[in-house]
Each structure stands twice: as structure tokens, then as C-alpha cells.
Amino acid sequence: MFSRFARYSLVFAVSFTQVVALAQAAPSTSQGQISVAQVIQMLDKAPADRVAGQVLTAYLAGVGEAAGVAVDIGRASCAKTLNLTADHVRQAVSIAAGKPDAAEVAATPLIVRDMLERAKCKRSAT
């Protein structure tokens, strides 16, 4: 009935619509950054919503890369391996999540800072 292209286009359109709906539910910061409110929402939805899980995984992969870049650029050494779990993320943003302005707090710097602290990263002497 539908061509292969039409089926793939329909699947893409439905998936894209789900991602847009997920992203619009909690606001980004006024500067366009991923907010603590958005991250909490993704964490809450991910176990039951495949798209939310995929969005969360992609976001956290980028955060992990950002932490790695921070270590490289800062010429830091870490006593432990950089790692990240949903529990770590929830803990890193938990204080800001309870505040009324959680939609204005950027989540990524909080998560990266937490990763660097847990790995006991210190800037190397140059």
C-alpha cells in the first residue's frame, strides 16, 4: 500500500513529533540551554518511554564528551575513571531541581562538575 520511503517518512514523522513533544514539555533556560527541569523530566520518563530514553542517552553521551574535553583542555588528571549513571545525574541536579527556577538552571555544568569531582580530577601543574 505504502512505498518503503512513505513508511520510513511516516515513522520518522511520528518519532520526530514524539521528540518535539518531549522537548517542549519542560522549558529550556532563557539562554537555550538544557534545563534541570528538562533533565529531571527525561529521567522520570525514560524507564517507560523509549523515545525519552533515547533522548536522555544522547544527551548524557554529549555530557560525557564535554567532561572529557574539560579534562583534556584543562590538562587535568583524574584519580578515577569518568563515569555517569542516571543516579549520578539525578544527584547532581537534585539541589537545583527543588528550586522554583529549575527551568532557568543549566543542567550540563552541574553534571560535568559532579563527574569531575567524583573522578577526583585535578588540574596538572604546567
C-alpha atoms as a PDB file:
ATOM      1  CA  MET A   1       0.000   0.000   0.000  1.00  0.00           C
ATOM      2  CA  PHE A   2       2.725   2.481   1.043  1.00  0.00           C
ATOM      3  CA  SER A   3       6.104   2.670  -0.600  1.00  0.00           C
ATOM      4  CA  ARG A   4       9.115   1.947   1.581  1.00  0.00           C
ATOM      5  CA  PHE A   5      10.002   5.661   1.507  1.00  0.00           C
ATOM      6  CA  ALA A   6       6.489   6.617   2.624  1.00  0.00           C
ATOM      7  CA  ARG A   7       6.621   4.139   5.531  1.00  0.00           C
ATOM      8  CA  TYR A   8      10.027   5.415   6.675  1.00  0.00           C
ATOM      9  CA  SER A   9       8.835   9.003   6.324  1.00  0.00           C
ATOM     10  CA  LEU A  10       5.776   8.243   8.434  1.00  0.00           C
ATOM     11  CA  VAL A  11       7.869   6.519  11.131  1.00  0.00           C
ATOM     12  CA  PHE A  12      10.311   9.447  11.132  1.00  0.00           C
ATOM     13  CA  ALA A  13       7.477  11.974  11.377  1.00  0.00           C
ATOM     14  CA  VAL A  14       5.899  10.154  14.337  1.00  0.00           C
ATOM     15  CA  SER A  15       9.280   9.777  16.102  1.00  0.00           C
ATOM     16  CA  PHE A  16      10.179  13.416  15.455  1.00  0.00           C
ATOM     17  CA  THR A  17       6.800  14.500  16.804  1.00  0.00           C
ATOM     18  CA  GLN A  18       7.398  12.496  19.982  1.00  0.00           C
ATOM     19  CA  VAL A  19      10.835  14.075  20.461  1.00  0.00           C
ATOM     20  CA  VAL A  20       9.424  17.560  19.921  1.00  0.00           C
ATOM     21  CA  ALA A  21       6.609  16.870  22.407  1.00  0.00           C
ATOM     22  CA  LEU A  22       9.104  15.589  24.972  1.00  0.00           C
ATOM     23  CA  ALA A  23      11.397  18.568  24.500  1.00  0.00           C
ATOM     24  CA  GLN A  24       8.537  21.058  24.751  1.00  0.00           C
ATOM     25  CA  ALA A  25       7.073  19.678  27.947  1.00  0.00           C
ATOM     26  CA  ALA A  26       9.740  21.225  30.182  1.00  0.00           C
ATOM     27  CA  PRO A  27      11.335  24.506  29.120  1.00  0.00           C
ATOM     28  CA  SER A  28      14.956  25.159  28.274  1.00  0.00           C
ATOM     29  CA  THR A  29      16.654  28.046  30.025  1.00  0.00           C
ATOM     30  CA  SER A  30      16.101  31.504  28.556  1.00  0.00           C
ATOM     31  CA  GLN A  31      19.593  31.115  27.075  1.00  0.00           C
ATOM     32  CA  GLY A  32      18.530  27.932  25.241  1.00  0.00           C
ATOM     33  CA  GLN A  33      20.459  25.531  27.476  1.00  0.00           C
ATOM     34  CA  ILE A  34      19.143  22.168  28.687  1.00  0.00           C
ATOM     35  CA  SER A  35      17.488  22.961  31.993  1.00  0.00           C
ATOM     36  CA  VAL A  36      17.441  20.991  35.220  1.00  0.00           C
ATOM     37  CA  ALA A  37      13.673  20.694  34.759  1.00  0.00           C
ATOM     38  CA  GLN A  38      14.171  19.058  31.346  1.00  0.00           C
ATOM     39  CA  VAL A  39      16.729  16.589  32.687  1.00  0.00           C
ATOM     40  CA  ILE A  40      14.506  15.591  35.601  1.00  0.00           C
ATOM     41  CA  GLN A  41      11.632  15.101  33.187  1.00  0.00           C
ATOM     42  CA  MET A  42      13.783  12.903  30.905  1.00  0.00           C
ATOM     43  CA  LEU A  43      14.988  10.866  33.901  1.00  0.00           C
ATOM     44  CA  ASP A  44      11.412  10.342  35.056  1.00  0.00           C
ATOM     45  CA  LYS A  45      10.071   9.375  31.630  1.00  0.00           C
ATOM     46  CA  ALA A  46      12.994   7.284  30.338  1.00  0.00           C
ATOM     47  CA  PRO A  47      12.152   3.980  32.068  1.00  0.00           C
ATOM     48  CA  ALA A  48       8.701   3.789  30.445  1.00  0.00           C
ATOM     49  CA  ASP A  49       9.181   5.825  27.258  1.00  0.00           C
ATOM     50  CA  ARG A  50      11.601   4.562  24.604  1.00  0.00           C
ATOM     51  CA  VAL A  51      11.942   7.953  22.925  1.00  0.00           C
ATOM     52  CA  ALA A  52      12.639   9.671  26.246  1.00  0.00           C
ATOM     53  CA  GLY A  53      15.269   7.020  26.937  1.00  0.00           C
ATOM     54  CA  GLN A  54      16.913   7.655  23.579  1.00  0.00           C
ATOM     55  CA  VAL A  55      16.891  11.418  24.083  1.00  0.00           C
ATOM     56  CA  LEU A  56      18.351  11.002  27.574  1.00  0.00           C
ATOM     57  CA  THR A  57      21.053   8.632  26.304  1.00  0.00           C
ATOM     58  CA  ALA A  58      22.051  11.037  23.530  1.00  0.00           C
ATOM     59  CA  TYR A  59      22.147  13.978  25.930  1.00  0.00           C
ATOM     60  CA  LEU A  60      24.219  12.115  28.528  1.00  0.00           C
ATOM     61  CA  ALA A  61      26.642  10.913  25.848  1.00  0.00           C
ATOM     62  CA  GLY A  62      27.230  14.551  24.944  1.00  0.00           C
ATOM     63  CA  VAL A  63      27.675  15.487  28.591  1.00  0.00           C
ATOM     64  CA  GLY A  64      30.247  12.704  28.979  1.00  0.00           C
ATOM     65  CA  GLU A  65      32.137  14.004  25.966  1.00  0.00           C
ATOM     66  CA  ALA A  66      32.020  17.524  27.411  1.00  0.00           C
ATOM     67  CA  ALA A  67      33.546  16.279  30.660  1.00  0.00           C
ATOM     68  CA  GLY A  68      36.289  14.505  28.725  1.00  0.00           C
ATOM     69  CA  VAL A  69      37.037  17.680  26.782  1.00  0.00           C
ATOM     70  CA  ALA A  70      37.145  19.678  30.032  1.00  0.00           C
ATOM     71  CA  VAL A  71      39.755  17.246  31.375  1.00  0.00           C
ATOM     72  CA  ASP A  72      41.814  17.419  28.174  1.00  0.00           C
ATOM     73  CA  ILE A  73      41.672  21.192  27.775  1.00  0.00           C
ATOM     74  CA  GLY A  74      42.335  21.785  31.452  1.00  0.00           C
ATOM     75  CA  ARG A  75      45.236  19.346  31.342  1.00  0.00           C
ATOM     76  CA  ALA A  76      43.744  17.605  34.325  1.00  0.00           C
ATOM     77  CA  SER A  77      44.481  14.206  35.733  1.00  0.00           C
ATOM     78  CA  CYS A  78      41.808  12.091  37.341  1.00  0.00           C
ATOM     79  CA  ALA A  79      42.252   9.522  40.097  1.00  0.00           C
ATOM     80  CA  LYS A  80      39.229   7.559  38.848  1.00  0.00           C
ATOM     81  CA  THR A  81      37.553   6.935  35.525  1.00  0.00           C
ATOM     82  CA  LEU A  82      34.928   9.455  34.456  1.00  0.00           C
ATOM     83  CA  ASN A  83      31.525   7.771  34.576  1.00  0.00           C
ATOM     84  CA  LEU A  84      27.891   8.706  34.573  1.00  0.00           C
ATOM     85  CA  THR A  85      24.665   6.958  35.543  1.00  0.00           C
ATOM     86  CA  ALA A  86      21.091   8.144  35.863  1.00  0.00           C
ATOM     87  CA  ASP A  87      21.537   8.123  39.646  1.00  0.00           C
ATOM     88  CA  HIS A  88      24.615  10.346  39.352  1.00  0.00           C
ATOM     89  CA  VAL A  89      22.695  12.753  37.131  1.00  0.00           C
ATOM     90  CA  ARG A  90      19.717  12.890  39.480  1.00  0.00           C
ATOM     91  CA  GLN A  91      22.047  13.546  42.423  1.00  0.00           C
ATOM     92  CA  ALA A  92      23.976  16.235  40.524  1.00  0.00           C
ATOM     93  CA  VAL A  93      20.835  18.222  39.690  1.00  0.00           C
ATOM     94  CA  SER A  94      18.792  17.408  42.812  1.00  0.00           C
ATOM     95  CA  ILE A  95      19.503  20.604  44.744  1.00  0.00           C
ATOM     96  CA  ALA A  96      18.637  22.818  41.780  1.00  0.00           C
ATOM     97  CA  ALA A  97      15.593  20.665  40.916  1.00  0.00           C
ATOM     98  CA  GLY A  98      13.864  21.618  44.150  1.00  0.00           C
ATOM     99  CA  LYS A  99      14.071  25.334  43.428  1.00  0.00           C
ATOM    100  CA  PRO A 100      11.296  27.283  41.726  1.00  0.00           C
ATOM    101  CA  ASP A 101      13.664  28.447  38.982  1.00  0.00           C
ATOM    102  CA  ALA A 102      14.756  24.912  37.930  1.00  0.00           C
ATOM    103  CA  ALA A 103      13.791  25.796  34.370  1.00  0.00           C
ATOM    104  CA  GLU A 104      16.437  28.566  34.434  1.00  0.00           C
ATOM    105  CA  VAL A 105      19.292  26.429  35.797  1.00  0.00           C
ATOM    106  CA  ALA A 106      21.519  24.842  33.138  1.00  0.00           C
ATOM    107  CA  ALA A 107      21.954  21.133  33.891  1.00  0.00           C
ATOM    108  CA  THR A 108      25.100  20.362  31.895  1.00  0.00           C
ATOM    109  CA  PRO A 109      27.584  22.357  34.020  1.00  0.00           C
ATOM    110  CA  LEU A 110      26.181  20.759  37.186  1.00  0.00           C
ATOM    111  CA  ILE A 111      26.543  17.266  35.762  1.00  0.00           C
ATOM    112  CA  VAL A 112      30.042  17.865  34.363  1.00  0.00           C
ATOM    113  CA  ARG A 113      31.205  19.358  37.674  1.00  0.00           C
ATOM    114  CA  ASP A 114      29.819  16.327  39.521  1.00  0.00           C
ATOM    115  CA  MET A 115      31.604  13.932  37.142  1.00  0.00           C
ATOM    116  CA  LEU A 116      34.929  15.718  37.613  1.00  0.00           C
ATOM    117  CA  GLU A 117      34.539  15.775  41.396  1.00  0.00           C
ATOM    118  CA  ARG A 118      33.606  12.087  41.614  1.00  0.00           C
ATOM    119  CA  ALA A 119      36.613  11.155  39.445  1.00  0.00           C
ATOM    120  CA  LYS A 120      38.811  13.368  41.665  1.00  0.00           C
ATOM    121  CA  CYS A 121      40.140  15.332  38.705  1.00  0.00           C
ATOM    122  CA  LYS A 122      42.746  17.985  39.379  1.00  0.00           C
ATOM    123  CA  ARG A 123      44.444  20.348  37.056  1.00  0.00           C
ATOM    124  CA  SER A 124      48.003  19.274  36.361  1.00  0.00           C
ATOM    125  CA  ALA A 125      50.816  21.693  37.106  1.00  0.00           C
ATOM    126  CA  THR A 126      52.170  23.236  33.913  1.00  0.00           C
END
